C-alpha atoms as a PDB file:
ATOM      1  CA  MET A   1     -32.612  11.170 -12.516  1.00  0.00           C
ATOM      2  CA  GLN A   2     -32.503  14.880 -13.043  1.00  0.00           C
ATOM      3  CA  GLU A   3     -31.080  16.240  -9.849  1.00  0.00           C
ATOM      4  CA  PRO A   4     -27.636  16.462  -8.125  1.00  0.00           C
ATOM      5  CA  ILE A   5     -26.273  14.005  -5.357  1.00  0.00           C
ATOM      6  CA  PHE A   6     -25.108  15.890  -2.269  1.00  0.00           C
ATOM      7  CA  LEU A   7     -22.675  14.112   0.052  1.00  0.00           C
ATOM      8  CA  LYS A   8     -21.797  14.183   3.692  1.00  0.00           C
ATOM      9  CA  PRO A   9     -18.016  13.905   4.053  1.00  0.00           C
ATOM     10  CA  VAL A  10     -15.943  11.768   6.471  1.00  0.00           C
ATOM     11  CA  PHE A  11     -12.980  13.283   8.374  1.00  0.00           C
ATOM     12  CA  HIS A  12      -9.627  11.843   9.379  1.00  0.00           C
ATOM     13  CA  GLU A  13      -7.345  12.787  12.169  1.00  0.00           C
ATOM     14  CA  LYS A  14      -3.664  12.868  11.158  1.00  0.00           C
ATOM     15  CA  ILE A  15      -0.399  13.455  13.050  1.00  0.00           C
ATOM     16  CA  TRP A  16       0.033  16.509  10.835  1.00  0.00           C
ATOM     17  CA  GLY A  17      -3.537  17.937  11.046  1.00  0.00           C
ATOM     18  CA  GLY A  18      -4.736  21.124  12.498  1.00  0.00           C
ATOM     19  CA  THR A  19      -8.076  23.108  12.793  1.00  0.00           C
ATOM     20  CA  GLY A  20      -8.089  24.600   9.193  1.00  0.00           C
ATOM     21  CA  LEU A  21     -10.765  22.428   8.063  1.00  0.00           C
ATOM     22  CA  SER A  22     -13.200  24.056  10.616  1.00  0.00           C
ATOM     23  CA  ASP A  23     -11.570  27.431  10.403  1.00  0.00           C
ATOM     24  CA  GLU A  24     -12.089  27.650   6.658  1.00  0.00           C
ATOM     25  CA  PHE A  25     -15.311  25.623   5.973  1.00  0.00           C
ATOM     26  CA  GLY A  26     -16.968  25.497   9.420  1.00  0.00           C
ATOM     27  CA  TYR A  27     -16.663  21.557   9.232  1.00  0.00           C
ATOM     28  CA  ASP A  28     -17.560  19.730  12.549  1.00  0.00           C
ATOM     29  CA  ILE A  29     -14.229  18.146  12.824  1.00  0.00           C
ATOM     30  CA  PRO A  30     -13.376  15.562  15.271  1.00  0.00           C
ATOM     31  CA  SER A  31     -10.137  17.007  16.954  1.00  0.00           C
ATOM     32  CA  ASP A  32      -7.616  19.698  16.539  1.00  0.00           C
ATOM     33  CA  HIS A  33      -5.484  17.270  14.783  1.00  0.00           C
ATOM     34  CA  THR A  34      -7.848  16.767  11.850  1.00  0.00           C
ATOM     35  CA  GLY A  35      -5.957  16.452   8.619  1.00  0.00           C
ATOM     36  CA  GLU A  36      -8.463  15.191   6.023  1.00  0.00           C
ATOM     37  CA  CYS A  37     -11.879  15.574   4.854  1.00  0.00           C
ATOM     38  CA  TRP A  38     -12.735  12.741   2.255  1.00  0.00           C
ATOM     39  CA  ALA A  39     -15.444  14.716   0.384  1.00  0.00           C
ATOM     40  CA  ILE A  40     -16.640  12.449  -2.406  1.00  0.00           C
ATOM     41  CA  SER A  41     -15.711   8.977  -1.569  1.00  0.00           C
ATOM     42  CA  ALA A  42     -16.634   5.428  -2.202  1.00  0.00           C
ATOM     43  CA  HIS A  43     -13.487   3.980  -0.598  1.00  0.00           C
ATOM     44  CA  PRO A  44     -14.101   1.746   2.377  1.00  0.00           C
ATOM     45  CA  HIS A  45     -11.685   3.709   4.613  1.00  0.00           C
ATOM     46  CA  GLY A  46     -14.164   6.567   4.326  1.00  0.00           C
ATOM     47  CA  LEU A  47     -17.661   6.223   2.684  1.00  0.00           C
ATOM     48  CA  ALA A  48     -19.427   9.298   1.953  1.00  0.00           C
ATOM     49  CA  GLU A  49     -23.091   9.149   2.485  1.00  0.00           C
ATOM     50  CA  VAL A  50     -25.981  10.655   0.170  1.00  0.00           C
ATOM     51  CA  ILE A  51     -27.987  13.249   1.977  1.00  0.00           C
ATOM     52  CA  ASN A  52     -30.645  14.185  -0.398  1.00  0.00           C
ATOM     53  CA  GLY A  53     -33.144  12.961  -3.096  1.00  0.00           C
ATOM     54  CA  PRO A  54     -34.531   9.286  -3.767  1.00  0.00           C
ATOM     55  CA  TYR A  55     -31.034   7.919  -2.544  1.00  0.00           C
ATOM     56  CA  LYS A  56     -30.547   9.629   0.801  1.00  0.00           C
ATOM     57  CA  GLY A  57     -28.816   7.394   3.502  1.00  0.00           C
ATOM     58  CA  MET A  58     -27.175   5.171   0.723  1.00  0.00           C
ATOM     59  CA  LYS A  59     -23.242   5.164   0.818  1.00  0.00           C
ATOM     60  CA  LEU A  60     -21.572   6.184  -2.442  1.00  0.00           C
ATOM     61  CA  ASN A  61     -20.284   2.769  -2.986  1.00  0.00           C
ATOM     62  CA  GLU A  62     -23.721   1.372  -2.875  1.00  0.00           C
ATOM     63  CA  LEU A  63     -24.908   3.957  -5.386  1.00  0.00           C
ATOM     64  CA  TRP A  64     -22.100   3.032  -7.746  1.00  0.00           C
ATOM     65  CA  ASP A  65     -23.170  -0.961  -7.340  1.00  0.00           C
ATOM     66  CA  GLN A  66     -26.908  -0.632  -7.627  1.00  0.00           C
ATOM     67  CA  HIS A  67     -27.511   2.515 -10.024  1.00  0.00           C
ATOM     68  CA  ARG A  68     -24.808   2.525 -12.557  1.00  0.00           C
ATOM     69  CA  GLU A  69     -27.041   4.237 -14.923  1.00  0.00           C
ATOM     70  CA  LEU A  70     -26.258   7.370 -12.759  1.00  0.00           C
ATOM     71  CA  PHE A  71     -22.738   7.103 -13.793  1.00  0.00           C
ATOM     72  CA  GLY A  72     -23.029   6.528 -17.602  1.00  0.00           C
ATOM     73  CA  ASN A  73     -23.116   2.920 -16.970  1.00  0.00           C
ATOM     74  CA  ALA A  74     -19.271   3.150 -16.658  1.00  0.00           C
ATOM     75  CA  GLU A  75     -17.296  -0.164 -16.010  1.00  0.00           C
ATOM     76  CA  GLY A  76     -15.201  -1.015 -13.151  1.00  0.00           C
ATOM     77  CA  LYS A  77     -15.555  -2.696  -9.786  1.00  0.00           C
ATOM     78  CA  VAL A  78     -15.251   0.383  -7.805  1.00  0.00           C
ATOM     79  CA  PHE A  79     -16.097   4.244  -8.062  1.00  0.00           C
ATOM     80  CA  PRO A  80     -12.740   5.347  -9.534  1.00  0.00           C
ATOM     81  CA  LEU A  81     -12.367   8.960  -8.099  1.00  0.00           C
ATOM     82  CA  LEU A  82     -11.827  10.311  -4.628  1.00  0.00           C
ATOM     83  CA  THR A  83     -11.972  14.037  -3.483  1.00  0.00           C
ATOM     84  CA  LYS A  84     -10.317  15.284  -0.450  1.00  0.00           C
ATOM     85  CA  ILE A  85      -9.267  18.428   1.140  1.00  0.00           C
ATOM     86  CA  LEU A  86      -6.158  18.225   3.063  1.00  0.00           C
ATOM     87  CA  ASP A  87      -5.158  20.555   5.889  1.00  0.00           C
ATOM     88  CA  ALA A  88      -1.306  20.602   6.562  1.00  0.00           C
ATOM     89  CA  ASN A  89      -0.367  22.061   9.804  1.00  0.00           C
ATOM     90  CA  GLN A  90       3.063  20.365   9.465  1.00  0.00           C
ATOM     91  CA  ASP A  91       4.694  18.578   6.548  1.00  0.00           C
ATOM     92  CA  LEU A  92       3.182  15.299   5.514  1.00  0.00           C
ATOM     93  CA  SER A  93       5.402  12.422   5.128  1.00  0.00           C
ATOM     94  CA  VAL A  94       7.330  12.136   1.693  1.00  0.00           C
ATOM     95  CA  GLN A  95       5.756   9.475  -0.232  1.00  0.00           C
ATOM     96  CA  VAL A  96       5.478   7.459  -3.614  1.00  0.00           C
ATOM     97  CA  HIS A  97       2.203   5.871  -5.091  1.00  0.00           C
ATOM     98  CA  PRO A  98       1.991   2.796  -7.285  1.00  0.00           C
ATOM     99  CA  ASP A  99       0.477   2.416 -10.569  1.00  0.00           C
ATOM    100  CA  ASN A 100      -2.611   0.266 -11.188  1.00  0.00           C
ATOM    101  CA  GLU A 101      -0.527  -3.032 -12.012  1.00  0.00           C
ATOM    102  CA  TYR A 102       1.700  -2.695  -8.888  1.00  0.00           C
ATOM    103  CA  ALA A 103      -1.184  -1.834  -6.466  1.00  0.00           C
ATOM    104  CA  GLU A 104      -3.472  -4.531  -7.931  1.00  0.00           C
ATOM    105  CA  GLU A 105      -0.807  -7.173  -7.286  1.00  0.00           C
ATOM    106  CA  HIS A 106       0.410  -6.081  -3.841  1.00  0.00           C
ATOM    107  CA  GLU A 107      -2.569  -3.993  -2.357  1.00  0.00           C
ATOM    108  CA  HIS A 108      -5.549  -5.373  -4.132  1.00  0.00           C
ATOM    109  CA  GLU A 109      -6.863  -1.819  -5.124  1.00  0.00           C
ATOM    110  CA  LEU A 110      -6.156   0.789  -7.651  1.00  0.00           C
ATOM    111  CA  GLY A 111      -3.053   2.659  -8.014  1.00  0.00           C
ATOM    112  CA  LYS A 112      -2.956   6.267  -7.004  1.00  0.00           C
ATOM    113  CA  THR A 113      -2.482   9.250  -9.352  1.00  0.00           C
ATOM    114  CA  GLU A 114      -3.439  12.585  -7.720  1.00  0.00           C
ATOM    115  CA  SER A 115      -3.499  16.139  -7.933  1.00  0.00           C
ATOM    116  CA  TRP A 116      -3.701  19.362  -5.903  1.00  0.00           C
ATOM    117  CA  TYR A 117      -5.595  22.654  -6.133  1.00  0.00           C
ATOM    118  CA  VAL A 118      -3.914  24.878  -3.542  1.00  0.00           C
ATOM    119  CA  ILE A 119      -6.646  26.420  -1.551  1.00  0.00           C
ATOM    120  CA  LYS A 120      -4.590  28.292   0.962  1.00  0.00           C
ATOM    121  CA  ALA A 121      -0.713  28.533   1.374  1.00  0.00           C
ATOM    122  CA  LYS A 122       1.008  30.647   3.896  1.00  0.00           C
ATOM    123  CA  PRO A 123       3.947  32.884   2.810  1.00  0.00           C
ATOM    124  CA  GLY A 124       7.009  30.742   1.849  1.00  0.00           C
ATOM    125  CA  ALA A 125       5.124  27.503   1.640  1.00  0.00           C
ATOM    126  CA  MET A 126       6.777  24.526  -0.157  1.00  0.00           C
ATOM    127  CA  LEU A 127       5.835  21.162  -1.517  1.00  0.00           C
ATOM    128  CA  TYR A 128       8.213  18.218  -1.806  1.00  0.00           C
ATOM    129  CA  TYR A 129       8.024  17.365  -5.713  1.00  0.00           C
ATOM    130  CA  GLY A 130      10.537  15.252  -7.741  1.00  0.00           C
ATOM    131  CA  HIS A 131      13.869  13.995  -6.629  1.00  0.00           C
ATOM    132  CA  ASN A 132      17.574  14.368  -7.938  1.00  0.00           C
ATOM    133  CA  ALA A 133      18.620  10.736  -8.410  1.00  0.00           C
ATOM    134  CA  THR A 134      19.523   9.795 -12.036  1.00  0.00           C
ATOM    135  CA  THR A 135      19.140   5.938 -11.608  1.00  0.00           C
ATOM    136  CA  ARG A 136      17.085   3.670  -9.318  1.00  0.00           C
ATOM    137  CA  GLU A 137      20.278   2.469  -7.607  1.00  0.00           C
ATOM    138  CA  GLU A 138      21.321   6.030  -6.947  1.00  0.00           C
ATOM    139  CA  PHE A 139      17.862   6.816  -5.429  1.00  0.00           C
ATOM    140  CA  ALA A 140      18.105   3.947  -3.196  1.00  0.00           C
ATOM    141  CA  ASP A 141      21.716   4.674  -2.092  1.00  0.00           C
ATOM    142  CA  MET A 142      20.594   8.287  -1.151  1.00  0.00           C
ATOM    143  CA  ILE A 143      17.757   7.069   0.932  1.00  0.00           C
ATOM    144  CA  HIS A 144      19.757   4.358   2.802  1.00  0.00           C
ATOM    145  CA  HIS A 145      22.393   7.157   3.541  1.00  0.00           C
ATOM    146  CA  LYS A 146      19.510   9.498   4.622  1.00  0.00           C
ATOM    147  CA  GLN A 147      20.812  12.073   2.008  1.00  0.00           C
ATOM    148  CA  TRP A 148      17.214  13.828   2.034  1.00  0.00           C
ATOM    149  CA  GLN A 149      18.557  17.307   1.378  1.00  0.00           C
ATOM    150  CA  LYS A 150      20.367  16.173  -1.749  1.00  0.00           C
ATOM    151  CA  LEU A 151      17.767  13.802  -2.780  1.00  0.00           C
ATOM    152  CA  LEU A 152      14.424  15.794  -2.447  1.00  0.00           C
ATOM    153  CA  ARG A 153      13.188  18.670  -4.560  1.00  0.00           C
ATOM    154  CA  LYS A 154      11.027  21.410  -3.128  1.00  0.00           C
ATOM    155  CA  MET A 155       8.543  23.841  -4.971  1.00  0.00           C
ATOM    156  CA  PRO A 156       7.140  27.053  -3.726  1.00  0.00           C
ATOM    157  CA  VAL A 157       3.353  27.306  -4.230  1.00  0.00           C
ATOM    158  CA  LYS A 158       0.669  29.774  -3.645  1.00  0.00           C
ATOM    159  CA  GLU A 159      -3.136  30.011  -3.561  1.00  0.00           C
ATOM    160  CA  GLY A 160      -4.596  28.975  -6.835  1.00  0.00           C
ATOM    161  CA  ASP A 161      -1.695  26.868  -8.040  1.00  0.00           C
ATOM    162  CA  PHE A 162      -2.329  23.231  -9.477  1.00  0.00           C
ATOM    163  CA  VAL A 163       0.040  20.358  -9.130  1.00  0.00           C
ATOM    164  CA  TYR A 164      -0.326  17.083 -10.958  1.00  0.00           C
ATOM    165  CA  VAL A 165       1.324  14.075  -9.059  1.00  0.00           C
ATOM    166  CA  PRO A 166       1.290  10.923 -11.227  1.00  0.00           C
ATOM    167  CA  HIS A 167       1.987   7.525  -9.660  1.00  0.00           C
ATOM    168  CA  GLY A 168       5.815   7.216  -9.205  1.00  0.00           C
ATOM    169  CA  MET A 169       6.334  10.902  -8.322  1.00  0.00           C
ATOM    170  CA  VAL A 170       8.163  11.655  -5.092  1.00  0.00           C
ATOM    171  CA  HIS A 171       5.983  14.215  -3.280  1.00  0.00           C
ATOM    172  CA  ALA A 172       4.395  15.596   0.028  1.00  0.00           C
ATOM    173  CA  VAL A 173       2.403  18.579   0.818  1.00  0.00           C
ATOM    174  CA  GLY A 174       4.344  21.035   3.061  1.00  0.00           C
ATOM    175  CA  ALA A 175       3.231  22.851   6.378  1.00  0.00           C
ATOM    176  CA  GLY A 176       0.935  25.791   5.856  1.00  0.00           C
ATOM    177  CA  ILE A 177      -0.910  24.574   3.063  1.00  0.00           C
ATOM    178  CA  MET A 178      -4.479  23.314   2.296  1.00  0.00           C
ATOM    179  CA  VAL A 179      -5.357  21.594  -0.945  1.00  0.00           C
ATOM    180  CA  LEU A 180      -8.095  19.973  -2.612  1.00  0.00           C
ATOM    181  CA  GLU A 181      -7.043  16.698  -3.662  1.00  0.00           C
ATOM    182  CA  THR A 182      -8.320  14.907  -6.694  1.00  0.00           C
ATOM    183  CA  GLN A 183      -7.168  11.450  -7.109  1.00  0.00           C
ATOM    184  CA  GLN A 184      -7.891   7.703  -8.057  1.00  0.00           C
ATOM    185  CA  SER A 185      -9.958   5.988  -5.320  1.00  0.00           C
ATOM    186  CA  SER A 186      -6.954   4.300  -3.426  1.00  0.00           C
ATOM    187  CA  ASP A 187      -5.548   4.540   0.055  1.00  0.00           C
ATOM    188  CA  THR A 188      -2.223   2.930  -0.781  1.00  0.00           C
ATOM    189  CA  THR A 189       0.626   5.288   0.218  1.00  0.00           C
ATOM    190  CA  TYR A 190       4.506   4.330   0.291  1.00  0.00           C
ATOM    191  CA  ARG A 191       5.912   6.526   3.189  1.00  0.00           C
ATOM    192  CA  MET A 192       9.578   6.905   2.376  1.00  0.00           C
ATOM    193  CA  TYR A 193      10.653   9.620   4.687  1.00  0.00           C
ATOM    194  CA  ASP A 194       8.460  11.008   7.851  1.00  0.00           C
ATOM    195  CA  PHE A 195      11.300  13.650   9.350  1.00  0.00           C
ATOM    196  CA  ASP A 196      11.773  11.057  12.112  1.00  0.00           C
ATOM    197  CA  ARG A 197       8.356  11.918  13.790  1.00  0.00           C
ATOM    198  CA  VAL A 198       7.075   9.781  16.707  1.00  0.00           C
ATOM    199  CA  ASP A 199       3.607   8.935  16.656  1.00  0.00           C
ATOM    200  CA  GLN A 200       2.150  10.086  20.068  1.00  0.00           C
ATOM    201  CA  LYS A 201      -0.235   7.386  20.121  1.00  0.00           C
ATOM    202  CA  THR A 202       2.070   4.613  19.890  1.00  0.00           C
ATOM    203  CA  GLY A 203       5.338   6.452  21.024  1.00  0.00           C
ATOM    204  CA  LYS A 204       7.131   4.914  18.118  1.00  0.00           C
ATOM    205  CA  LEU A 205       8.233   6.118  14.774  1.00  0.00           C
ATOM    206  CA  ARG A 206       5.684   5.617  11.871  1.00  0.00           C
ATOM    207  CA  GLU A 207       6.080   2.838   9.507  1.00  0.00           C
ATOM    208  CA  LEU A 208       7.986   3.547   6.362  1.00  0.00           C
ATOM    209  CA  HIS A 209       7.926   1.620   3.048  1.00  0.00           C
ATOM    210  CA  ILE A 210      11.401   1.923   1.698  1.00  0.00           C
ATOM    211  CA  GLN A 211      11.622  -0.925  -0.845  1.00  0.00           C
ATOM    212  CA  GLN A 212       8.214  -0.351  -2.190  1.00  0.00           C
ATOM    213  CA  SER A 213       9.060   3.323  -2.699  1.00  0.00           C
ATOM    214  CA  ILE A 214      12.131   2.045  -4.506  1.00  0.00           C
ATOM    215  CA  ASP A 215      10.204  -0.206  -6.711  1.00  0.00           C
ATOM    216  CA  THR A 216       7.659   2.346  -7.879  1.00  0.00           C
ATOM    217  CA  VAL A 217       9.548   5.719  -8.065  1.00  0.00           C
ATOM    218  CA  GLU A 218       9.875   7.135 -11.434  1.00  0.00           C
ATOM    219  CA  VAL A 219      13.527   7.582 -12.352  1.00  0.00           C
ATOM    220  CA  PRO A 220      14.805  10.024 -13.416  1.00  0.00           C
ATOM    221  CA  PHE A 221      12.283  12.785 -12.321  1.00  0.00           C
ATOM    222  CA  LYS A 222      10.153  14.075 -15.278  1.00  0.00           C
ATOM    223  CA  MET A 223       7.970  17.172 -14.877  1.00  0.00           C
ATOM    224  CA  PRO A 224       4.512  16.109 -16.304  1.00  0.00           C
ATOM    225  CA  THR A 225       3.199  18.040 -19.351  1.00  0.00           C
ATOM    226  CA  LEU A 226      -0.254  19.429 -18.560  1.00  0.00           C
ATOM    227  CA  ASN A 227      -3.020  20.286 -21.473  1.00  0.00           C
ATOM    228  CA  HIS A 228      -4.026  23.607 -19.740  1.00  0.00           C
ATOM    229  CA  LYS A 229      -6.949  25.482 -21.463  1.00  0.00           C
ATOM    230  CA  GLU A 230      -9.241  28.212 -20.578  1.00  0.00           C
ATOM    231  CA  TRP A 231     -12.656  29.190 -21.937  1.00  0.00           C
ATOM    232  CA  ASP A 232     -15.978  31.035 -20.815  1.00  0.00           C
ATOM    233  CA  VAL A 233     -19.395  29.679 -20.637  1.00  0.00           C
ATOM    234  CA  GLY A 234     -21.504  32.846 -20.302  1.00  0.00           C
ATOM    235  CA  ASP A 235     -20.086  34.504 -17.190  1.00  0.00           C
ATOM    236  CA  VAL A 236     -18.373  31.479 -15.969  1.00  0.00           C
ATOM    237  CA  HIS A 237     -14.430  31.341 -16.633  1.00  0.00           C
ATOM    238  CA  VAL A 238     -13.275  27.644 -17.059  1.00  0.00           C
ATOM    239  CA  THR A 239      -9.821  26.590 -16.562  1.00  0.00           C
ATOM    240  CA  GLN A 240      -8.885  23.022 -17.479  1.00  0.00           C
ATOM    241  CA  PHE A 241      -5.909  22.237 -15.221  1.00  0.00           C
ATOM    242  CA  VAL A 242      -5.307  18.648 -16.801  1.00  0.00           C
ATOM    243  CA  MET A 243      -7.329  16.073 -18.615  1.00  0.00           C
ATOM    244  CA  ALA A 244      -5.460  12.877 -18.304  1.00  0.00           C
ATOM    245  CA  GLU A 245      -6.212   9.064 -18.104  1.00  0.00           C
ATOM    246  CA  TYR A 246      -7.635   8.828 -14.761  1.00  0.00           C
ATOM    247  CA  PHE A 247      -9.248  12.046 -14.427  1.00  0.00           C
ATOM    248  CA  GLY A 248      -9.804  15.710 -15.585  1.00  0.00           C
ATOM    249  CA  VAL A 249      -9.631  18.775 -13.216  1.00  0.00           C
ATOM    250  CA  PHE A 250     -11.344  22.045 -13.681  1.00  0.00           C
ATOM    251  CA  LYS A 251     -11.819  25.344 -11.838  1.00  0.00           C
ATOM    252  CA  LEU A 252     -15.129  27.166 -12.262  1.00  0.00           C
ATOM    253  CA  ASP A 253     -14.851  30.788 -11.554  1.00  0.00           C
ATOM    254  CA  VAL A 254     -18.798  31.827 -11.455  1.00  0.00           C
ATOM    255  CA  ASN A 255     -19.077  35.484 -11.862  1.00  0.00           C
ATOM    256  CA  GLY A 256     -22.747  35.547 -13.103  1.00  0.00           C
ATOM    257  CA  LEU A 257     -24.647  33.135 -15.294  1.00  0.00           C
ATOM    258  CA  GLY A 258     -23.294  30.170 -17.222  1.00  0.00           C
ATOM    259  CA  ASN A 259     -25.433  27.581 -19.092  1.00  0.00           C
ATOM    260  CA  PHE A 260     -23.597  24.221 -19.379  1.00  0.00           C
ATOM    261  CA  GLU A 261     -24.373  20.948 -21.572  1.00  0.00           C
ATOM    262  CA  ASN A 262     -23.157  17.543 -20.908  1.00  0.00           C
ATOM    263  CA  THR A 263     -21.701  16.423 -24.292  1.00  0.00           C
ATOM    264  CA  ASP A 264     -19.376  13.547 -23.199  1.00  0.00           C
ATOM    265  CA  GLY A 265     -21.996  11.665 -21.181  1.00  0.00           C
ATOM    266  CA  LYS A 266     -19.715  11.647 -18.111  1.00  0.00           C
ATOM    267  CA  TYR A 267     -20.695  12.370 -14.557  1.00  0.00           C
ATOM    268  CA  ARG A 268     -19.136  15.420 -12.774  1.00  0.00           C
ATOM    269  CA  LEU A 269     -17.822  15.943  -9.201  1.00  0.00           C
ATOM    270  CA  LEU A 270     -18.225  19.422  -7.740  1.00  0.00           C
ATOM    271  CA  SER A 271     -16.429  20.986  -4.650  1.00  0.00           C
ATOM    272  CA  VAL A 272     -17.682  24.761  -3.856  1.00  0.00           C
ATOM    273  CA  ILE A 273     -14.376  26.188  -2.152  1.00  0.00           C
ATOM    274  CA  ASP A 274     -15.550  29.667  -2.192  1.00  0.00           C
ATOM    275  CA  GLY A 275     -18.487  31.705  -2.330  1.00  0.00           C
ATOM    276  CA  GLN A 276     -22.123  30.815  -3.267  1.00  0.00           C
ATOM    277  CA  CYS A 277     -24.233  30.296  -6.212  1.00  0.00           C
ATOM    278  CA  THR A 278     -27.558  28.761  -7.558  1.00  0.00           C
ATOM    279  CA  LEU A 279     -27.507  25.593  -9.467  1.00  0.00           C
ATOM    280  CA  VAL A 280     -30.421  25.227 -11.812  1.00  0.00           C
ATOM    281  CA  ILE A 281     -31.462  21.922 -13.232  1.00  0.00           C
ATOM    282  CA  GLY A 282     -34.860  21.988 -15.376  1.00  0.00           C
ATOM    283  CA  GLN A 283     -37.002  24.007 -13.038  1.00  0.00           C
ATOM    284  CA  GLN A 284     -35.340  23.127  -9.700  1.00  0.00           C
ATOM    285  CA  LYS A 285     -33.031  25.375  -7.990  1.00  0.00           C
ATOM    286  CA  TYR A 286     -30.249  24.197  -5.485  1.00  0.00           C
ATOM    287  CA  GLU A 287     -28.351  26.901  -3.539  1.00  0.00           C
ATOM    288  CA  LEU A 288     -24.634  25.865  -3.496  1.00  0.00           C
ATOM    289  CA  GLN A 289     -22.597  27.122  -0.337  1.00  0.00           C
ATOM    290  CA  LYS A 290     -18.869  27.097   0.402  1.00  0.00           C
ATOM    291  CA  GLY A 291     -17.846  23.597   1.611  1.00  0.00           C
ATOM    292  CA  GLN A 292     -20.459  21.418  -0.115  1.00  0.00           C
ATOM    293  CA  HIS A 293     -19.676  18.623  -2.300  1.00  0.00           C
ATOM    294  CA  LEU A 294     -21.994  16.952  -4.971  1.00  0.00           C
ATOM    295  CA  ILE A 295     -21.930  14.819  -8.001  1.00  0.00           C
ATOM    296  CA  LEU A 296     -23.860  15.751 -11.181  1.00  0.00           C
ATOM    297  CA  PRO A 297     -24.992  12.328 -12.675  1.00  0.00           C
ATOM    298  CA  SER A 298     -24.444  11.640 -16.344  1.00  0.00           C
ATOM    299  CA  THR A 299     -28.120  11.733 -16.570  1.00  0.00           C
ATOM    300  CA  VAL A 300     -28.016  15.596 -16.077  1.00  0.00           C
ATOM    301  CA  THR A 301     -27.683  16.795 -19.456  1.00  0.00           C
ATOM    302  CA  GLU A 302     -27.991  20.558 -19.052  1.00  0.00           C
ATOM    303  CA  TRP A 303     -27.547  22.758 -15.925  1.00  0.00           C
ATOM    304  CA  THR A 304     -26.901  26.477 -15.062  1.00  0.00           C
ATOM    305  CA  LEU A 305     -24.743  28.093 -12.361  1.00  0.00           C
ATOM    306  CA  ASP A 306     -25.574  31.698 -11.235  1.00  0.00           C
ATOM    307  CA  GLY A 307     -23.862  33.748  -8.645  1.00  0.00           C
ATOM    308  CA  ASN A 308     -20.335  34.272  -7.282  1.00  0.00           C
ATOM    309  CA  ALA A 309     -18.310  31.296  -6.548  1.00  0.00           C
ATOM    310  CA  THR A 310     -15.305  29.067  -6.983  1.00  0.00           C
ATOM    311  CA  ILE A 311     -15.831  25.421  -7.694  1.00  0.00           C
ATOM    312  CA  ILE A 312     -13.313  22.767  -8.328  1.00  0.00           C
ATOM    313  CA  ALA A 313     -14.798  20.170 -10.620  1.00  0.00           C
ATOM    314  CA  SER A 314     -13.527  16.804 -11.901  1.00  0.00           C
ATOM    315  CA  LYS A 315     -14.652  13.858 -14.255  1.00  0.00           C
ATOM    316  CA  PRO A 316     -13.332  10.452 -15.092  1.00  0.00           C
ATOM    317  CA  GLY A 317     -10.616  10.121 -17.603  1.00  0.00           C
ATOM    318  CA  ASP A 318     -10.615   7.606 -20.498  1.00  0.00           C
ATOM    319  CA  GLU A 319      -9.081   4.928 -18.266  1.00  0.00           C
ATOM    320  CA  ALA A 320     -10.779   5.638 -14.948  1.00  0.00           C
END
């Protein structure tokens, strides 16, 4: 198969969501509290649908199960990656995610390492990233005594920043930030602090997962080391933000013509976050617009991008 796979996103309403996904990308969102666009997803909580070509109408999980040749005959029970766009109209809850082993035992799914590319950030916007405890016992004690200001680390961000969030990292996207999230295909989230917010639908505080957070947190905090690289492919500037065990994430600044080759046999996930360009595979042209999401199967060995666009791309890592 020598063509891209375009996907129809799935949207989720969230207590912290807003209208940014419609304002920025023109998506038809379900309400003015829409927080997440699950753009490339084979997870059962948000199955993206193929909208073009011979597999039109199939869900991505079905495509993974029935046509593994499109994915380099990769192993694994589930499609390993998930691409989202998050619109944080308010702070998200402060969370910790488990590794594969803990998640398999307790949640029967993959662990959750993720990353964020900052699409937009209001002046002064902050993320929660990391903590100040030196031992697991101190971490638990600070939670139980609600010493949030002392425990939690904050980090300012701006448009174009990239943040890597390995499993075990305390984290939260802050208010006024929109990110493209590349993550393992998992919906396991351990909520350790939620600013004492009340869910308007239930009238109750949202559930917390204190013990799971204590069990899975990385102590002490360690800033991840990223293997950042940059190079040019014709008129396309490529930035490698990270290439790690579960995924690699790249930014393609398309400012003209670039000819690409698939030299590793892996499939690619592409999200157009600004501008427009033409994707050429063989003799076929595809017009890519802001807000579109697609997969380049591993069977596509050469392709060309031409135009002016910003694309966030990813591919599976060695352990995905």
